[in-house]
């Protein structure tokens, strides 16, 4: 899934997806914000349910 940007969970500051950061300048953790619109319609729930359970289940080639 495509990453849009990183965003602070406290202050909301955004960082570019290519920047390697683990914390915001305010000291709080960053969350990954994904491009869900890009993912819509690319895969069905039935297809996901048929895949083996594991953390690579949602990875698209």
PDB file of N, CA and C in Angstrom:
ATOM      1  N   UNK A   1       0.839  -1.170   0.000  1.00  0.00           N
ATOM      2  CA  UNK A   1       0.000   0.000   0.000  1.00  0.00           C
ATOM      3  C   UNK A   1       0.890   1.241   0.000  1.00  0.00           C
ATOM      4  N   UNK A   2       0.467   2.235  -0.685  1.00  0.00           N
ATOM      5  CA  UNK A   2       1.260   3.461  -0.798  1.00  0.00           C
ATOM      6  C   UNK A   2       1.156   4.320   0.448  1.00  0.00           C
ATOM      7  N   UNK A   3       2.310   4.812   0.872  1.00  0.00           N
ATOM      8  CA  UNK A   3       2.371   5.721   2.018  1.00  0.00           C
ATOM      9  C   UNK A   3       2.232   7.148   1.504  1.00  0.00           C
ATOM     10  N   UNK A   4       1.377   7.950   2.169  1.00  0.00           N
ATOM     11  CA  UNK A   4       1.224   9.351   1.794  1.00  0.00           C
ATOM     12  C   UNK A   4       2.236  10.218   2.542  1.00  0.00           C
ATOM     13  N   UNK A   5       2.289  10.046   3.870  1.00  0.00           N
ATOM     14  CA  UNK A   5       3.201  10.828   4.702  1.00  0.00           C
ATOM     15  C   UNK A   5       3.209  10.259   6.115  1.00  0.00           C
ATOM     16  N   UNK A   6       4.071  10.782   6.958  1.00  0.00           N
ATOM     17  CA  UNK A   6       4.114  10.464   8.383  1.00  0.00           C
ATOM     18  C   UNK A   6       3.469  11.623   9.126  1.00  0.00           C
ATOM     19  N   UNK A   7       2.739  11.318  10.205  1.00  0.00           N
ATOM     20  CA  UNK A   7       2.059  12.380  10.945  1.00  0.00           C
ATOM     21  C   UNK A   7       2.164  12.127  12.446  1.00  0.00           C
ATOM     22  N   UNK A   8       2.424  13.202  13.172  1.00  0.00           N
ATOM     23  CA  UNK A   8       2.532  13.130  14.626  1.00  0.00           C
ATOM     24  C   UNK A   8       1.171  12.823  15.235  1.00  0.00           C
ATOM     25  N   UNK A   9       1.155  11.899  16.211  1.00  0.00           N
ATOM     26  CA  UNK A   9      -0.108  11.540  16.852  1.00  0.00           C
ATOM     27  C   UNK A   9      -0.566  12.603  17.847  1.00  0.00           C
ATOM     28  N   UNK A  10       0.327  13.492  18.270  1.00  0.00           N
ATOM     29  CA  UNK A  10      -0.049  14.541  19.224  1.00  0.00           C
ATOM     30  C   UNK A  10      -0.365  15.862  18.533  1.00  0.00           C
ATOM     31  N   UNK A  11       0.606  16.419  17.811  1.00  0.00           N
ATOM     32  CA  UNK A  11       0.439  17.770  17.267  1.00  0.00           C
ATOM     33  C   UNK A  11      -0.031  17.804  15.810  1.00  0.00           C
ATOM     34  N   UNK A  12       0.024  16.653  15.117  1.00  0.00           N
ATOM     35  CA  UNK A  12      -0.462  16.599  13.741  1.00  0.00           C
ATOM     36  C   UNK A  12       0.532  17.033  12.682  1.00  0.00           C
ATOM     37  N   UNK A  13       1.755  17.375  13.085  1.00  0.00           N
ATOM     38  CA  UNK A  13       2.755  17.796  12.101  1.00  0.00           C
ATOM     39  C   UNK A  13       3.018  16.656  11.119  1.00  0.00           C
ATOM     40  N   UNK A  14       3.168  17.010   9.839  1.00  0.00           N
ATOM     41  CA  UNK A  14       3.390  16.029   8.785  1.00  0.00           C
ATOM     42  C   UNK A  14       4.842  16.054   8.323  1.00  0.00           C
ATOM     43  N   UNK A  15       5.338  14.868   7.988  1.00  0.00           N
ATOM     44  CA  UNK A  15       6.697  14.711   7.473  1.00  0.00           C
ATOM     45  C   UNK A  15       6.636  13.918   6.172  1.00  0.00           C
ATOM     46  N   UNK A  16       7.552  14.192   5.240  1.00  0.00           N
ATOM     47  CA  UNK A  16       7.558  13.458   3.967  1.00  0.00           C
ATOM     48  C   UNK A  16       7.804  11.968   4.201  1.00  0.00           C
ATOM     49  N   UNK A  17       7.213  11.144   3.334  1.00  0.00           N
ATOM     50  CA  UNK A  17       7.345   9.693   3.486  1.00  0.00           C
ATOM     51  C   UNK A  17       8.777   9.204   3.307  1.00  0.00           C
ATOM     52  N   UNK A  18       9.591   9.912   2.585  1.00  0.00           N
ATOM     53  CA  UNK A  18      10.968   9.485   2.359  1.00  0.00           C
ATOM     54  C   UNK A  18      11.920   9.842   3.490  1.00  0.00           C
ATOM     55  N   UNK A  19      11.457  10.633   4.427  1.00  0.00           N
ATOM     56  CA  UNK A  19      12.299  11.054   5.544  1.00  0.00           C
ATOM     57  C   UNK A  19      12.287   9.971   6.625  1.00  0.00           C
ATOM     58  N   UNK A  20      13.459   9.554   7.065  1.00  0.00           N
ATOM     59  CA  UNK A  20      13.546   8.526   8.101  1.00  0.00           C
ATOM     60  C   UNK A  20      13.479   9.209   9.459  1.00  0.00           C
ATOM     61  N   UNK A  21      12.336   9.035  10.100  1.00  0.00           N
ATOM     62  CA  UNK A  21      12.091   9.627  11.424  1.00  0.00           C
ATOM     63  C   UNK A  21      11.302   8.635  12.245  1.00  0.00           C
ATOM     64  N   UNK A  22      11.516   8.675  13.540  1.00  0.00           N
ATOM     65  CA  UNK A  22      10.760   7.821  14.446  1.00  0.00           C
ATOM     66  C   UNK A  22       9.925   8.638  15.423  1.00  0.00           C
ATOM     67  N   UNK A  23      10.295   9.891  15.602  1.00  0.00           N
ATOM     68  CA  UNK A  23       9.591  10.784  16.518  1.00  0.00           C
ATOM     69  C   UNK A  23       9.444  12.163  15.874  1.00  0.00           C
ATOM     70  N   UNK A  24       8.387  12.840  16.283  1.00  0.00           N
ATOM     71  CA  UNK A  24       8.147  14.216  15.859  1.00  0.00           C
ATOM     72  C   UNK A  24       9.109  15.139  16.606  1.00  0.00           C
ATOM     73  N   UNK A  25       9.226  16.361  16.140  1.00  0.00           N
ATOM     74  CA  UNK A  25      10.041  17.352  16.852  1.00  0.00           C
ATOM     75  C   UNK A  25       9.491  17.625  18.248  1.00  0.00           C
ATOM     76  N   UNK A  26       8.190  17.362  18.459  1.00  0.00           N
ATOM     77  CA  UNK A  26       7.590  17.567  19.784  1.00  0.00           C
ATOM     78  C   UNK A  26       7.875  16.385  20.714  1.00  0.00           C
ATOM     79  N   UNK A  27       8.458  15.305  20.174  1.00  0.00           N
ATOM     80  CA  UNK A  27       8.827  14.160  20.983  1.00  0.00           C
ATOM     81  C   UNK A  27       7.872  12.986  20.921  1.00  0.00           C
ATOM     82  N   UNK A  28       6.726  13.153  20.275  1.00  0.00           N
ATOM     83  CA  UNK A  28       5.720  12.092  20.211  1.00  0.00           C
ATOM     84  C   UNK A  28       5.969  11.172  19.016  1.00  0.00           C
ATOM     85  N   UNK A  29       5.335  10.019  19.030  1.00  0.00           N
ATOM     86  CA  UNK A  29       5.468   9.039  17.953  1.00  0.00           C
ATOM     87  C   UNK A  29       4.787   9.511  16.674  1.00  0.00           C
ATOM     88  N   UNK A  30       5.238   8.943  15.561  1.00  0.00           N
ATOM     89  CA  UNK A  30       4.655   9.234  14.258  1.00  0.00           C
ATOM     90  C   UNK A  30       3.848   8.037  13.791  1.00  0.00           C
ATOM     91  N   UNK A  31       2.752   8.305  13.108  1.00  0.00           N
ATOM     92  CA  UNK A  31       1.979   7.244  12.485  1.00  0.00           C
ATOM     93  C   UNK A  31       2.144   7.344  10.973  1.00  0.00           C
ATOM     94  N   UNK A  32       1.995   6.229  10.309  1.00  0.00           N
ATOM     95  CA  UNK A  32       2.067   6.201   8.849  1.00  0.00           C
ATOM     96  C   UNK A  32       0.666   6.426   8.312  1.00  0.00           C
ATOM     97  N   UNK A  33       0.517   7.383   7.404  1.00  0.00           N
ATOM     98  CA  UNK A  33      -0.770   7.665   6.779  1.00  0.00           C
ATOM     99  C   UNK A  33      -0.717   7.092   5.364  1.00  0.00           C
ATOM    100  N   UNK A  34      -1.616   6.159   5.097  1.00  0.00           N
ATOM    101  CA  UNK A  34      -1.629   5.468   3.812  1.00  0.00           C
ATOM    102  C   UNK A  34      -2.593   6.123   2.832  1.00  0.00           C
ATOM    103  N   UNK A  35      -2.366   5.882   1.547  1.00  0.00           N
ATOM    104  CA  UNK A  35      -3.229   6.365   0.482  1.00  0.00           C
ATOM    105  C   UNK A  35      -4.319   5.315   0.239  1.00  0.00           C
ATOM    106  N   UNK A  36      -5.392   5.386   1.024  1.00  0.00           N
ATOM    107  CA  UNK A  36      -6.455   4.396   0.937  1.00  0.00           C
ATOM    108  C   UNK A  36      -7.238   4.488  -0.365  1.00  0.00           C
ATOM    109  N   UNK A  37      -7.339   5.681  -0.937  1.00  0.00           N
ATOM    110  CA  UNK A  37      -8.050   5.819  -2.213  1.00  0.00           C
ATOM    111  C   UNK A  37      -7.358   5.020  -3.309  1.00  0.00           C
ATOM    112  N   UNK A  38      -6.043   4.971  -3.266  1.00  0.00           N
ATOM    113  CA  UNK A  38      -5.288   4.202  -4.248  1.00  0.00           C
ATOM    114  C   UNK A  38      -5.555   2.705  -4.085  1.00  0.00           C
ATOM    115  N   UNK A  39      -5.753   2.261  -2.877  1.00  0.00           N
ATOM    116  CA  UNK A  39      -5.962   0.833  -2.595  1.00  0.00           C
ATOM    117  C   UNK A  39      -7.374   0.363  -2.929  1.00  0.00           C
ATOM    118  N   UNK A  40      -8.328   1.276  -2.876  1.00  0.00           N
ATOM    119  CA  UNK A  40      -9.729   0.882  -3.105  1.00  0.00           C
ATOM    120  C   UNK A  40      -9.915   0.297  -4.501  1.00  0.00           C
ATOM    121  N   UNK A  41     -10.570  -0.849  -4.549  1.00  0.00           N
ATOM    122  CA  UNK A  41     -10.860  -1.488  -5.823  1.00  0.00           C
ATOM    123  C   UNK A  41      -9.733  -2.331  -6.375  1.00  0.00           C
ATOM    124  N   UNK A  42      -8.571  -2.330  -5.743  1.00  0.00           N
ATOM    125  CA  UNK A  42      -7.440  -3.112  -6.227  1.00  0.00           C
ATOM    126  C   UNK A  42      -7.483  -4.555  -5.736  1.00  0.00           C
ATOM    127  N   UNK A  43      -8.141  -4.784  -4.622  1.00  0.00           N
ATOM    128  CA  UNK A  43      -8.212  -6.120  -4.048  1.00  0.00           C
ATOM    129  C   UNK A  43      -9.534  -6.259  -3.297  1.00  0.00           C
ATOM    130  N   UNK A  44     -10.067  -7.452  -3.294  1.00  0.00           N
ATOM    131  CA  UNK A  44     -11.355  -7.678  -2.634  1.00  0.00           C
ATOM    132  C   UNK A  44     -11.153  -8.328  -1.266  1.00  0.00           C
ATOM    133  N   UNK A  45     -12.172  -8.197  -0.413  1.00  0.00           N
ATOM    134  CA  UNK A  45     -12.123  -8.846   0.905  1.00  0.00           C
ATOM    135  C   UNK A  45     -12.057 -10.358   0.744  1.00  0.00           C
ATOM    136  N   UNK A  46     -12.757 -10.895  -0.242  1.00  0.00           N
ATOM    137  CA  UNK A  46     -12.731 -12.346  -0.456  1.00  0.00           C
ATOM    138  C   UNK A  46     -11.324 -12.833  -0.792  1.00  0.00           C
ATOM    139  N   UNK A  47     -10.626 -12.057  -1.589  1.00  0.00           N
ATOM    140  CA  UNK A  47      -9.245 -12.417  -1.930  1.00  0.00           C
ATOM    141  C   UNK A  47      -8.350 -12.368  -0.693  1.00  0.00           C
ATOM    142  N   UNK A  48      -8.511 -11.337   0.123  1.00  0.00           N
ATOM    143  CA  UNK A  48      -7.716 -11.239   1.351  1.00  0.00           C
ATOM    144  C   UNK A  48      -8.002 -12.393   2.301  1.00  0.00           C
ATOM    145  N   UNK A  49      -9.264 -12.728   2.455  1.00  0.00           N
ATOM    146  CA  UNK A  49      -9.638 -13.820   3.363  1.00  0.00           C
ATOM    147  C   UNK A  49      -9.078 -15.168   2.915  1.00  0.00           C
ATOM    148  N   UNK A  50      -8.840 -15.327   1.619  1.00  0.00           N
ATOM    149  CA  UNK A  50      -8.303 -16.580   1.091  1.00  0.00           C
ATOM    150  C   UNK A  50      -6.802 -16.725   1.237  1.00  0.00           C
ATOM    151  N   UNK A  51      -6.139 -15.685   1.660  1.00  0.00           N
ATOM    152  CA  UNK A  51      -4.678 -15.734   1.813  1.00  0.00           C
ATOM    153  C   UNK A  51      -4.296 -16.289   3.178  1.00  0.00           C
ATOM    154  N   UNK A  52      -3.087 -16.874   3.267  1.00  0.00           N
ATOM    155  CA  UNK A  52      -2.621 -17.374   4.565  1.00  0.00           C
ATOM    156  C   UNK A  52      -2.514 -16.236   5.577  1.00  0.00           C
ATOM    157  N   UNK A  53      -2.836 -16.539   6.823  1.00  0.00           N
ATOM    158  CA  UNK A  53      -2.761 -15.529   7.868  1.00  0.00           C
ATOM    159  C   UNK A  53      -1.308 -15.262   8.222  1.00  0.00           C
ATOM    160  N   UNK A  54      -0.933 -14.006   8.253  1.00  0.00           N
ATOM    161  CA  UNK A  54       0.421 -13.596   8.582  1.00  0.00           C
ATOM    162  C   UNK A  54       0.588 -12.122   8.257  1.00  0.00           C
ATOM    163  N   UNK A  55       1.709 -11.567   8.638  1.00  0.00           N
ATOM    164  CA  UNK A  55       1.863 -10.132   8.427  1.00  0.00           C
ATOM    165  C   UNK A  55       2.117  -9.746   6.976  1.00  0.00           C
ATOM    166  N   UNK A  56       2.376 -10.699   6.090  1.00  0.00           N
ATOM    167  CA  UNK A  56       2.535 -10.390   4.666  1.00  0.00           C
ATOM    168  C   UNK A  56       1.224 -10.556   3.902  1.00  0.00           C
ATOM    169  N   UNK A  57       0.168 -10.883   4.606  1.00  0.00           N
ATOM    170  CA  UNK A  57      -1.135 -11.104   3.981  1.00  0.00           C
ATOM    171  C   UNK A  57      -1.606  -9.924   3.134  1.00  0.00           C
ATOM    172  N   UNK A  58      -1.275  -8.723   3.552  1.00  0.00           N
ATOM    173  CA  UNK A  58      -1.801  -7.523   2.898  1.00  0.00           C
ATOM    174  C   UNK A  58      -0.829  -6.900   1.895  1.00  0.00           C
ATOM    175  N   UNK A  59       0.317  -7.503   1.709  1.00  0.00           N
ATOM    176  CA  UNK A  59       1.318  -6.949   0.784  1.00  0.00           C
ATOM    177  C   UNK A  59       0.948  -7.279  -0.652  1.00  0.00           C
ATOM    178  N   UNK A  60       0.972  -6.268  -1.470  1.00  0.00           N
ATOM    179  CA  UNK A  60       0.732  -6.449  -2.898  1.00  0.00           C
ATOM    180  C   UNK A  60       2.059  -6.361  -3.640  1.00  0.00           C
ATOM    181  N   UNK A  61       2.186  -7.178  -4.654  1.00  0.00           N
ATOM    182  CA  UNK A  61       3.424  -7.176  -5.453  1.00  0.00           C
ATOM    183  C   UNK A  61       3.460  -5.974  -6.373  1.00  0.00           C
TER     184      UNK A  61
END
